[in-house]
Structure formats: structure tokens, C-alpha cells
Amino acid sequence: MSKLIAFNKPFGVLSQFTDKGSPTSRPTLSGFIDCPGVYPAGRLDRDSEGLLLLTNDGKLQARIANPAFKTPKTYLVQVEGEAGEDALDQLRGGVQLKDGLTSPADVTRIDEPDLWPRDPPVRFRKTVPDCWLKVTIREGRNRQVRRMTAAAGHPTLRLVRWSIGEWTLDGLEQGAWREV
């Protein structure tokens, strides 16, 4: 029977069950999820937080993770500086990165979301303002949202994936998981 798990991945946790590539032990999914036979459907960088889906169904895993299916992924993104309409329009139109032009993103400025505190906290600088964006992409390039905001002149300070397709973090505490 197919199983699908939604996990609210904390900052600093690897999107895999083991850490073979490091001489020091870094936190992995095995410290949070005790459900044999499931594997991540896509990845979320170690320094990103939020929704990670895991499944034991290879076809479902491909449907979620493969960019050909254009599954929307929505992120809440804290960026450096006050992103104005020019920067938002640049993101909405697609951004030229080293690996090519991105597809257009859905981008809006939002009020600071009510999220759990990040550990460690984002470095605060009195002289440098920040703002929050809601960014939805339908691709899945490596560190894509971070590279897009940097190219638009607003480096990412905090990145939280809120949803993948129909699945969201709504009501899921940091470090917790539920079967969906």
C-alpha cells in the first residue's frame, strides 16, 4: 500500500537517512522519522526548512519530484533588502542563471509569517532591512529560489518550503511528520 509522509524539516537536517559524506555526524531524517521503506520525493537543502514529502511509491515519488510534471512548490522567503516591484517583476519574468533562464515564478510580498523560531536565528542587522516573499516555482533546479533572489539583488536569509502541490505544512510542527 502506498504511503506518503509530510515532514517539517528543521534547519540543518540533511534530506537523507544517512550521512556518509562527512567526518562529523550531521542530523539526518533518521533522527526524526521511524517509518521503514520511505524515501524523499525530492530534496530540501540542509540550510532550508519546511515541507519534505517521503513515500514508498516510486511512481508517486517521480510525479512529485520530476520537473516534467511541473508540480508547484511554494516557499516563504526572507530576503535581504526591501524588494520592490522591479525585483519582483524580474522574478516573475524568469531569471537568467548560469544554467539558463528560469521559468517565470509567482511572487508576492507578504507580511512576516508566523513561523517557529529558527535555530540558529537569522543574523539581524540594524542597518540592512529585510522583507518576506511568497515564491511559487514549477521547476526544481539546485538551490533555485536562493539563486533567483540573489540574481534579483536580494539574497535569501531564510527559506521555508510551505507547500508542494496540494500538500502543505499547515498544522505541522517543526521536526514533526504525519501520514497524508
C-alpha atoms as a PDB file:
ATOM      1  CA  MET A   1       0.000   0.000   0.000  1.00  0.00           C
ATOM      2  CA  SER A   2       1.279   3.449  -0.906  1.00  0.00           C
ATOM      3  CA  LYS A   3       2.460   5.599   1.943  1.00  0.00           C
ATOM      4  CA  LEU A   4       3.028   9.370   1.811  1.00  0.00           C
ATOM      5  CA  ILE A   5       4.548  11.305   4.689  1.00  0.00           C
ATOM      6  CA  ALA A   6       4.736  15.071   5.158  1.00  0.00           C
ATOM      7  CA  PHE A   7       7.712  16.145   7.291  1.00  0.00           C
ATOM      8  CA  ASN A   8       8.528  19.644   8.563  1.00  0.00           C
ATOM      9  CA  LYS A   9      12.308  19.541   8.134  1.00  0.00           C
ATOM     10  CA  PRO A  10      14.264  21.727  10.548  1.00  0.00           C
ATOM     11  CA  PHE A  11      17.209  23.894   9.511  1.00  0.00           C
ATOM     12  CA  GLY A  12      20.469  21.910   9.429  1.00  0.00           C
ATOM     13  CA  VAL A  13      18.919  18.478   8.801  1.00  0.00           C
ATOM     14  CA  LEU A  14      20.010  16.562   5.699  1.00  0.00           C
ATOM     15  CA  SER A  15      17.266  15.307   3.340  1.00  0.00           C
ATOM     16  CA  GLN A  16      18.557  11.728   3.591  1.00  0.00           C
ATOM     17  CA  PHE A  17      18.608   8.962   6.186  1.00  0.00           C
ATOM     18  CA  THR A  18      22.404   8.601   6.495  1.00  0.00           C
ATOM     19  CA  ASP A  19      25.391  10.944   6.349  1.00  0.00           C
ATOM     20  CA  LYS A  20      28.212   9.039   4.707  1.00  0.00           C
ATOM     21  CA  GLY A  21      29.978  12.047   3.208  1.00  0.00           C
ATOM     22  CA  SER A  22      31.070  13.812   6.385  1.00  0.00           C
ATOM     23  CA  PRO A  23      33.685  13.019   9.034  1.00  0.00           C
ATOM     24  CA  THR A  24      31.347  14.592  11.613  1.00  0.00           C
ATOM     25  CA  SER A  25      27.837  13.363  12.181  1.00  0.00           C
ATOM     26  CA  ARG A  26      25.184  15.758  10.881  1.00  0.00           C
ATOM     27  CA  PRO A  27      21.465  15.403  11.651  1.00  0.00           C
ATOM     28  CA  THR A  28      19.544  13.278   9.137  1.00  0.00           C
ATOM     29  CA  LEU A  29      15.971  12.128   8.586  1.00  0.00           C
ATOM     30  CA  SER A  30      16.635   9.013  10.679  1.00  0.00           C
ATOM     31  CA  GLY A  31      16.655  11.198  13.800  1.00  0.00           C
ATOM     32  CA  PHE A  32      13.050  12.223  13.120  1.00  0.00           C
ATOM     33  CA  ILE A  33      11.264   9.595  11.014  1.00  0.00           C
ATOM     34  CA  ASP A  34      10.866   5.993  12.110  1.00  0.00           C
ATOM     35  CA  CYS A  35       8.940   4.625   9.154  1.00  0.00           C
ATOM     36  CA  PRO A  36      10.832   1.978   7.156  1.00  0.00           C
ATOM     37  CA  GLY A  37      10.738   1.910   3.366  1.00  0.00           C
ATOM     38  CA  VAL A  38      10.010   5.575   2.636  1.00  0.00           C
ATOM     39  CA  TYR A  39      12.336   7.867   0.717  1.00  0.00           C
ATOM     40  CA  PRO A  40      12.309  11.610  -0.003  1.00  0.00           C
ATOM     41  CA  ALA A  41      10.395  12.741  -3.088  1.00  0.00           C
ATOM     42  CA  GLY A  42      12.828  15.498  -3.971  1.00  0.00           C
ATOM     43  CA  ARG A  43      15.303  17.321  -1.776  1.00  0.00           C
ATOM     44  CA  LEU A  44      15.466  20.312   0.503  1.00  0.00           C
ATOM     45  CA  ASP A  45      18.868  21.855   1.186  1.00  0.00           C
ATOM     46  CA  ARG A  46      20.410  21.471   4.609  1.00  0.00           C
ATOM     47  CA  ASP A  47      20.062  25.209   5.240  1.00  0.00           C
ATOM     48  CA  SER A  48      16.398  25.281   4.150  1.00  0.00           C
ATOM     49  CA  GLU A  49      13.390  24.376   6.250  1.00  0.00           C
ATOM     50  CA  GLY A  50       9.888  23.141   5.709  1.00  0.00           C
ATOM     51  CA  LEU A  51       7.907  20.581   3.794  1.00  0.00           C
ATOM     52  CA  LEU A  52       9.625  17.418   2.637  1.00  0.00           C
ATOM     53  CA  LEU A  53       7.477  14.598   1.251  1.00  0.00           C
ATOM     54  CA  LEU A  54       8.546  10.976   1.629  1.00  0.00           C
ATOM     55  CA  THR A  55       6.945   7.941   0.026  1.00  0.00           C
ATOM     56  CA  ASN A  56       7.395   4.236  -0.641  1.00  0.00           C
ATOM     57  CA  ASP A  57       5.740   4.587  -4.075  1.00  0.00           C
ATOM     58  CA  GLY A  58       8.238   5.110  -6.914  1.00  0.00           C
ATOM     59  CA  LYS A  59       5.622   6.439  -9.362  1.00  0.00           C
ATOM     60  CA  LEU A  60       4.336   8.953  -6.829  1.00  0.00           C
ATOM     61  CA  GLN A  61       7.910   9.934  -5.959  1.00  0.00           C
ATOM     62  CA  ALA A  62       8.606  10.637  -9.657  1.00  0.00           C
ATOM     63  CA  ARG A  63       5.363  12.599 -10.075  1.00  0.00           C
ATOM     64  CA  ILE A  64       6.258  14.838  -7.132  1.00  0.00           C
ATOM     65  CA  ALA A  65       9.969  15.298  -7.849  1.00  0.00           C
ATOM     66  CA  ASN A  66      10.291  15.204 -11.651  1.00  0.00           C
ATOM     67  CA  PRO A  67      10.271  18.757 -13.122  1.00  0.00           C
ATOM     68  CA  ALA A  68       8.421  17.435 -16.193  1.00  0.00           C
ATOM     69  CA  PHE A  69       5.236  17.285 -14.076  1.00  0.00           C
ATOM     70  CA  LYS A  70       5.602  20.991 -13.108  1.00  0.00           C
ATOM     71  CA  THR A  71       4.340  20.394  -9.570  1.00  0.00           C
ATOM     72  CA  PRO A  72       4.127  23.819  -7.907  1.00  0.00           C
ATOM     73  CA  LYS A  73       6.346  24.351  -4.874  1.00  0.00           C
ATOM     74  CA  THR A  74       5.666  27.390  -2.684  1.00  0.00           C
ATOM     75  CA  TYR A  75       8.301  28.951  -0.447  1.00  0.00           C
ATOM     76  CA  LEU A  76       8.192  31.649   2.220  1.00  0.00           C
ATOM     77  CA  VAL A  77      11.432  33.542   1.691  1.00  0.00           C
ATOM     78  CA  GLN A  78      13.060  36.160   3.894  1.00  0.00           C
ATOM     79  CA  VAL A  79      15.345  38.265   1.716  1.00  0.00           C
ATOM     80  CA  GLU A  80      17.876  40.972   2.376  1.00  0.00           C
ATOM     81  CA  GLY A  81      16.660  44.455   1.458  1.00  0.00           C
ATOM     82  CA  GLU A  82      13.264  45.844   0.545  1.00  0.00           C
ATOM     83  CA  ALA A  83      12.316  44.000  -2.641  1.00  0.00           C
ATOM     84  CA  GLY A  84      10.480  46.467  -4.875  1.00  0.00           C
ATOM     85  CA  GLU A  85       8.314  45.897  -7.925  1.00  0.00           C
ATOM     86  CA  ASP A  86      11.354  45.850 -10.255  1.00  0.00           C
ATOM     87  CA  ALA A  87      12.878  42.892  -8.380  1.00  0.00           C
ATOM     88  CA  LEU A  88       9.513  41.121  -8.138  1.00  0.00           C
ATOM     89  CA  ASP A  89       8.899  41.633 -11.862  1.00  0.00           C
ATOM     90  CA  GLN A  90      12.333  40.195 -12.600  1.00  0.00           C
ATOM     91  CA  LEU A  91      11.456  37.043 -10.624  1.00  0.00           C
ATOM     92  CA  ARG A  92       8.013  36.867 -12.249  1.00  0.00           C
ATOM     93  CA  GLY A  93       9.527  37.032 -15.731  1.00  0.00           C
ATOM     94  CA  GLY A  94      12.245  34.436 -15.191  1.00  0.00           C
ATOM     95  CA  VAL A  95      15.825  35.000 -14.085  1.00  0.00           C
ATOM     96  CA  GLN A  96      18.965  34.286 -16.080  1.00  0.00           C
ATOM     97  CA  LEU A  97      21.144  31.902 -14.042  1.00  0.00           C
ATOM     98  CA  LYS A  98      24.383  30.143 -15.017  1.00  0.00           C
ATOM     99  CA  ASP A  99      22.354  27.067 -16.025  1.00  0.00           C
ATOM    100  CA  GLY A 100      19.871  29.061 -18.120  1.00  0.00           C
ATOM    101  CA  LEU A 101      16.722  31.116 -17.819  1.00  0.00           C
ATOM    102  CA  THR A 102      14.285  30.040 -15.120  1.00  0.00           C
ATOM    103  CA  SER A 103      10.603  29.689 -15.802  1.00  0.00           C
ATOM    104  CA  PRO A 104       8.501  32.568 -14.520  1.00  0.00           C
ATOM    105  CA  ALA A 105       7.662  32.397 -10.809  1.00  0.00           C
ATOM    106  CA  ASP A 106       4.560  33.552  -8.950  1.00  0.00           C
ATOM    107  CA  VAL A 107       5.899  36.137  -6.471  1.00  0.00           C
ATOM    108  CA  THR A 108       4.224  38.420  -3.945  1.00  0.00           C
ATOM    109  CA  ARG A 109       5.467  40.400  -0.977  1.00  0.00           C
ATOM    110  CA  ILE A 110       3.909  39.204   2.266  1.00  0.00           C
ATOM    111  CA  ASP A 111       3.902  40.226   5.908  1.00  0.00           C
ATOM    112  CA  GLU A 112       6.308  38.318   8.115  1.00  0.00           C
ATOM    113  CA  PRO A 113       4.725  34.867   8.545  1.00  0.00           C
ATOM    114  CA  ASP A 114       4.037  33.348  11.955  1.00  0.00           C
ATOM    115  CA  LEU A 115       6.716  30.646  11.888  1.00  0.00           C
ATOM    116  CA  TRP A 116       8.657  28.732  14.514  1.00  0.00           C
ATOM    117  CA  PRO A 117      11.951  30.341  15.588  1.00  0.00           C
ATOM    118  CA  ARG A 118      14.918  29.191  13.526  1.00  0.00           C
ATOM    119  CA  ASP A 119      17.868  27.621  15.330  1.00  0.00           C
ATOM    120  CA  PRO A 120      20.313  29.266  14.823  1.00  0.00           C
ATOM    121  CA  PRO A 121      18.438  32.517  14.237  1.00  0.00           C
ATOM    122  CA  VAL A 122      18.916  34.555  11.076  1.00  0.00           C
ATOM    123  CA  ARG A 123      21.547  37.212  11.712  1.00  0.00           C
ATOM    124  CA  PHE A 124      19.852  40.558  12.330  1.00  0.00           C
ATOM    125  CA  ARG A 125      21.488  43.758  11.076  1.00  0.00           C
ATOM    126  CA  LYS A 126      20.038  47.112  12.121  1.00  0.00           C
ATOM    127  CA  THR A 127      21.321  48.872   9.022  1.00  0.00           C
ATOM    128  CA  VAL A 128      20.055  46.318   6.486  1.00  0.00           C
ATOM    129  CA  PRO A 129      16.294  45.889   6.139  1.00  0.00           C
ATOM    130  CA  ASP A 130      14.676  42.656   5.048  1.00  0.00           C
ATOM    131  CA  CYS A 131      11.285  41.558   3.747  1.00  0.00           C
ATOM    132  CA  TRP A 132       9.331  38.371   3.080  1.00  0.00           C
ATOM    133  CA  LEU A 133       8.243  36.966  -0.262  1.00  0.00           C
ATOM    134  CA  LYS A 134       5.940  34.121  -1.228  1.00  0.00           C
ATOM    135  CA  VAL A 135       7.529  32.419  -4.239  1.00  0.00           C
ATOM    136  CA  THR A 136       5.983  29.573  -6.243  1.00  0.00           C
ATOM    137  CA  ILE A 137       8.094  27.749  -8.826  1.00  0.00           C
ATOM    138  CA  ARG A 138       7.373  24.760 -11.048  1.00  0.00           C
ATOM    139  CA  GLU A 139      10.964  23.671 -11.644  1.00  0.00           C
ATOM    140  CA  GLY A 140      13.413  22.130  -9.236  1.00  0.00           C
ATOM    141  CA  ARG A 141      16.920  23.307 -10.001  1.00  0.00           C
ATOM    142  CA  ASN A 142      19.610  23.089  -7.351  1.00  0.00           C
ATOM    143  CA  ARG A 143      19.169  25.966  -4.850  1.00  0.00           C
ATOM    144  CA  GLN A 144      16.921  27.651  -7.411  1.00  0.00           C
ATOM    145  CA  VAL A 145      14.997  30.091  -5.193  1.00  0.00           C
ATOM    146  CA  ARG A 146      18.190  31.232  -3.452  1.00  0.00           C
ATOM    147  CA  ARG A 147      19.925  31.801  -6.776  1.00  0.00           C
ATOM    148  CA  MET A 148      16.902  33.630  -8.213  1.00  0.00           C
ATOM    149  CA  THR A 149      16.554  36.078  -5.316  1.00  0.00           C
ATOM    150  CA  ALA A 150      20.311  36.739  -5.331  1.00  0.00           C
ATOM    151  CA  ALA A 151      20.207  37.439  -9.086  1.00  0.00           C
ATOM    152  CA  ALA A 152      17.386  39.921  -8.428  1.00  0.00           C
ATOM    153  CA  GLY A 153      19.608  41.701  -5.876  1.00  0.00           C
ATOM    154  CA  HIS A 154      18.035  40.281  -2.709  1.00  0.00           C
ATOM    155  CA  PRO A 155      19.969  37.357  -1.193  1.00  0.00           C
ATOM    156  CA  THR A 156      17.902  34.821   0.739  1.00  0.00           C
ATOM    157  CA  LEU A 157      18.241  34.903   4.517  1.00  0.00           C
ATOM    158  CA  ARG A 158      15.681  32.223   5.367  1.00  0.00           C
ATOM    159  CA  LEU A 159      13.862  29.754   3.122  1.00  0.00           C
ATOM    160  CA  VAL A 160      10.836  27.721   4.215  1.00  0.00           C
ATOM    161  CA  ARG A 161       9.064  25.434   1.745  1.00  0.00           C
ATOM    162  CA  TRP A 162       5.391  25.755   2.640  1.00  0.00           C
ATOM    163  CA  SER A 163       3.749  23.521   0.054  1.00  0.00           C
ATOM    164  CA  ILE A 164       4.280  21.015  -2.738  1.00  0.00           C
ATOM    165  CA  GLY A 165       1.239  20.685  -4.974  1.00  0.00           C
ATOM    166  CA  GLU A 166      -1.772  20.055  -2.736  1.00  0.00           C
ATOM    167  CA  TRP A 167       0.282  19.185   0.376  1.00  0.00           C
ATOM    168  CA  THR A 168       1.156  21.878   2.939  1.00  0.00           C
ATOM    169  CA  LEU A 169       2.849  22.374   6.285  1.00  0.00           C
ATOM    170  CA  ASP A 170      -0.369  23.695   7.784  1.00  0.00           C
ATOM    171  CA  GLY A 171      -0.614  22.484  11.402  1.00  0.00           C
ATOM    172  CA  LEU A 172       2.654  20.519  11.274  1.00  0.00           C
ATOM    173  CA  GLU A 173       5.165  21.495  13.950  1.00  0.00           C
ATOM    174  CA  GLN A 174       8.866  21.748  13.164  1.00  0.00           C
ATOM    175  CA  GLY A 175      10.538  18.323  13.307  1.00  0.00           C
ATOM    176  CA  ALA A 176       7.170  16.508  13.204  1.00  0.00           C
ATOM    177  CA  TRP A 177       5.694  14.293  10.495  1.00  0.00           C
ATOM    178  CA  ARG A 178       2.307  12.887   9.589  1.00  0.00           C
ATOM    179  CA  GLU A 179       0.976  10.419   7.092  1.00  0.00           C
ATOM    180  CA  VAL A 180      -1.145  12.110   4.417  1.00  0.00           C
END
